[in-house]
Amino acid sequence: MKNLTMNVYEIIMESGDSVYKVVVPAFNEKDACDFVQGNGEIVRIKLSEVYNDINKISNDKFIDALRLSQFGEMEINILSRALSQLNLIG
């Protein structure tokens, strides 16, 4: 069974004259790299200190934001549970 815990990776990328940071939730480093493939050269990838376990997105704030955007309760429940199971909100 696949690991159901996602991490958040910070990826620094270079594309021509631009250098930029992308924040990617993924099951592992390879998946994060695959997600950004084709958008430039990966200069650095590391686990995010901001989003992993220390400052998870609040489940209550997430639900409030979805309600303010007029999502239905069924959609809110599905999204909230899925992100909670992936350890992305708490």
C-alpha atoms as a PDB file:
ATOM      1  CA  MET A   1       0.000   0.000   0.000  1.00  0.00           C
ATOM      2  CA  LYS A   2       1.287   3.452  -0.924  1.00  0.00           C
ATOM      3  CA  ASN A   3       2.311   5.860   1.821  1.00  0.00           C
ATOM      4  CA  LEU A   4      -0.615   8.231   2.435  1.00  0.00           C
ATOM      5  CA  THR A   5       1.403  10.959   4.126  1.00  0.00           C
ATOM      6  CA  MET A   6       2.336  13.843   1.879  1.00  0.00           C
ATOM      7  CA  ASN A   7       5.151  16.257   2.483  1.00  0.00           C
ATOM      8  CA  VAL A   8       5.505  19.734   1.080  1.00  0.00           C
ATOM      9  CA  TYR A   9       8.648  20.380  -0.949  1.00  0.00           C
ATOM     10  CA  GLU A  10      10.180  23.724  -1.868  1.00  0.00           C
ATOM     11  CA  ILE A  11      11.705  23.552  -5.332  1.00  0.00           C
ATOM     12  CA  ILE A  12      13.928  26.291  -6.724  1.00  0.00           C
ATOM     13  CA  MET A  13      13.774  26.325 -10.515  1.00  0.00           C
ATOM     14  CA  GLU A  14      15.564  28.175 -13.264  1.00  0.00           C
ATOM     15  CA  SER A  15      13.939  28.851 -16.607  1.00  0.00           C
ATOM     16  CA  GLY A  16      15.885  31.039 -19.002  1.00  0.00           C
ATOM     17  CA  ASP A  17      16.352  34.396 -17.269  1.00  0.00           C
ATOM     18  CA  SER A  18      14.052  33.594 -14.327  1.00  0.00           C
ATOM     19  CA  VAL A  19      14.627  31.827 -11.033  1.00  0.00           C
ATOM     20  CA  TYR A  20      11.569  30.998  -8.960  1.00  0.00           C
ATOM     21  CA  LYS A  21      10.336  28.885  -6.059  1.00  0.00           C
ATOM     22  CA  VAL A  22       7.542  26.356  -6.376  1.00  0.00           C
ATOM     23  CA  VAL A  23       5.857  24.746  -3.370  1.00  0.00           C
ATOM     24  CA  VAL A  24       4.646  21.230  -4.190  1.00  0.00           C
ATOM     25  CA  PRO A  25       2.788  18.706  -2.028  1.00  0.00           C
ATOM     26  CA  ALA A  26       3.944  15.192  -2.917  1.00  0.00           C
ATOM     27  CA  PHE A  27       4.370  11.723  -1.455  1.00  0.00           C
ATOM     28  CA  ASN A  28       8.117  11.811  -2.068  1.00  0.00           C
ATOM     29  CA  GLU A  29      10.876  13.879  -3.651  1.00  0.00           C
ATOM     30  CA  LYS A  30      10.665  12.031  -6.978  1.00  0.00           C
ATOM     31  CA  ASP A  31       6.928  12.770  -7.288  1.00  0.00           C
ATOM     32  CA  ALA A  32       7.597  16.458  -6.563  1.00  0.00           C
ATOM     33  CA  CYS A  33      10.287  16.569  -9.266  1.00  0.00           C
ATOM     34  CA  ASP A  34       8.019  14.760 -11.734  1.00  0.00           C
ATOM     35  CA  PHE A  35       5.273  17.346 -11.079  1.00  0.00           C
ATOM     36  CA  VAL A  36       7.470  20.273 -12.168  1.00  0.00           C
ATOM     37  CA  GLN A  37       9.208  18.410 -14.992  1.00  0.00           C
ATOM     38  CA  GLY A  38       9.343  20.465 -18.183  1.00  0.00           C
ATOM     39  CA  ASN A  39       9.059  23.850 -16.460  1.00  0.00           C
ATOM     40  CA  GLY A  40      12.780  24.553 -16.210  1.00  0.00           C
ATOM     41  CA  GLU A  41      15.829  23.157 -14.476  1.00  0.00           C
ATOM     42  CA  ILE A  42      15.545  22.140 -10.829  1.00  0.00           C
ATOM     43  CA  VAL A  43      18.265  23.973  -8.920  1.00  0.00           C
ATOM     44  CA  ARG A  44      17.351  22.755  -5.424  1.00  0.00           C
ATOM     45  CA  ILE A  45      14.671  20.715  -3.711  1.00  0.00           C
ATOM     46  CA  LYS A  46      14.100  20.438   0.027  1.00  0.00           C
ATOM     47  CA  LEU A  47      11.378  19.632   2.508  1.00  0.00           C
ATOM     48  CA  SER A  48       9.494  22.760   3.459  1.00  0.00           C
ATOM     49  CA  GLU A  49      10.001  23.837   7.057  1.00  0.00           C
ATOM     50  CA  VAL A  50       6.952  26.085   6.862  1.00  0.00           C
ATOM     51  CA  TYR A  51       4.278  23.581   5.852  1.00  0.00           C
ATOM     52  CA  ASN A  52       5.402  20.216   7.211  1.00  0.00           C
ATOM     53  CA  ASP A  53       3.903  19.528  10.658  1.00  0.00           C
ATOM     54  CA  ILE A  54       4.896  22.894  12.115  1.00  0.00           C
ATOM     55  CA  ASN A  55       2.202  25.101  10.606  1.00  0.00           C
ATOM     56  CA  LYS A  56      -0.398  22.881   9.001  1.00  0.00           C
ATOM     57  CA  ILE A  57      -3.293  24.656   7.388  1.00  0.00           C
ATOM     58  CA  SER A  58      -6.121  24.827   9.903  1.00  0.00           C
ATOM     59  CA  ASN A  59      -8.993  22.522   8.974  1.00  0.00           C
ATOM     60  CA  ASP A  60     -11.473  25.056  10.380  1.00  0.00           C
ATOM     61  CA  LYS A  61     -10.012  27.909   8.310  1.00  0.00           C
ATOM     62  CA  PHE A  62     -10.008  25.708   5.218  1.00  0.00           C
ATOM     63  CA  ILE A  63     -13.675  24.821   5.727  1.00  0.00           C
ATOM     64  CA  ASP A  64     -14.581  28.475   6.373  1.00  0.00           C
ATOM     65  CA  ALA A  65     -12.844  29.531   3.142  1.00  0.00           C
ATOM     66  CA  LEU A  66     -14.733  26.893   1.158  1.00  0.00           C
ATOM     67  CA  ARG A  67     -18.052  27.979   2.690  1.00  0.00           C
ATOM     68  CA  LEU A  68     -17.314  31.620   1.866  1.00  0.00           C
ATOM     69  CA  SER A  69     -16.675  30.503  -1.720  1.00  0.00           C
ATOM     70  CA  GLN A  70     -20.116  28.828  -1.671  1.00  0.00           C
ATOM     71  CA  PHE A  71     -18.942  25.238  -1.890  1.00  0.00           C
ATOM     72  CA  GLY A  72     -21.587  22.688  -0.920  1.00  0.00           C
ATOM     73  CA  GLU A  73     -21.295  20.620   2.253  1.00  0.00           C
ATOM     74  CA  MET A  74     -20.646  17.429   0.278  1.00  0.00           C
ATOM     75  CA  GLU A  75     -17.702  19.021  -1.553  1.00  0.00           C
ATOM     76  CA  ILE A  76     -16.384  20.527   1.671  1.00  0.00           C
ATOM     77  CA  ASN A  77     -16.512  17.142   3.414  1.00  0.00           C
ATOM     78  CA  ILE A  78     -14.740  15.378   0.538  1.00  0.00           C
ATOM     79  CA  LEU A  79     -11.960  17.972   0.226  1.00  0.00           C
ATOM     80  CA  SER A  80     -11.480  18.347   3.978  1.00  0.00           C
ATOM     81  CA  ARG A  81     -11.286  14.609   4.607  1.00  0.00           C
ATOM     82  CA  ALA A  82      -8.971  13.982   1.639  1.00  0.00           C
ATOM     83  CA  LEU A  83      -6.501  16.686   2.718  1.00  0.00           C
ATOM     84  CA  SER A  84      -6.693  15.529   6.329  1.00  0.00           C
ATOM     85  CA  GLN A  85      -5.949  11.923   5.309  1.00  0.00           C
ATOM     86  CA  LEU A  86      -2.936  13.168   3.347  1.00  0.00           C
ATOM     87  CA  ASN A  87      -1.743  14.996   6.463  1.00  0.00           C
ATOM     88  CA  LEU A  88      -1.881  18.402   4.727  1.00  0.00           C
ATOM     89  CA  ILE A  89      -4.393  20.056   7.056  1.00  0.00           C
ATOM     90  CA  GLY A  90      -4.897  19.653  10.751  1.00  0.00           C
END
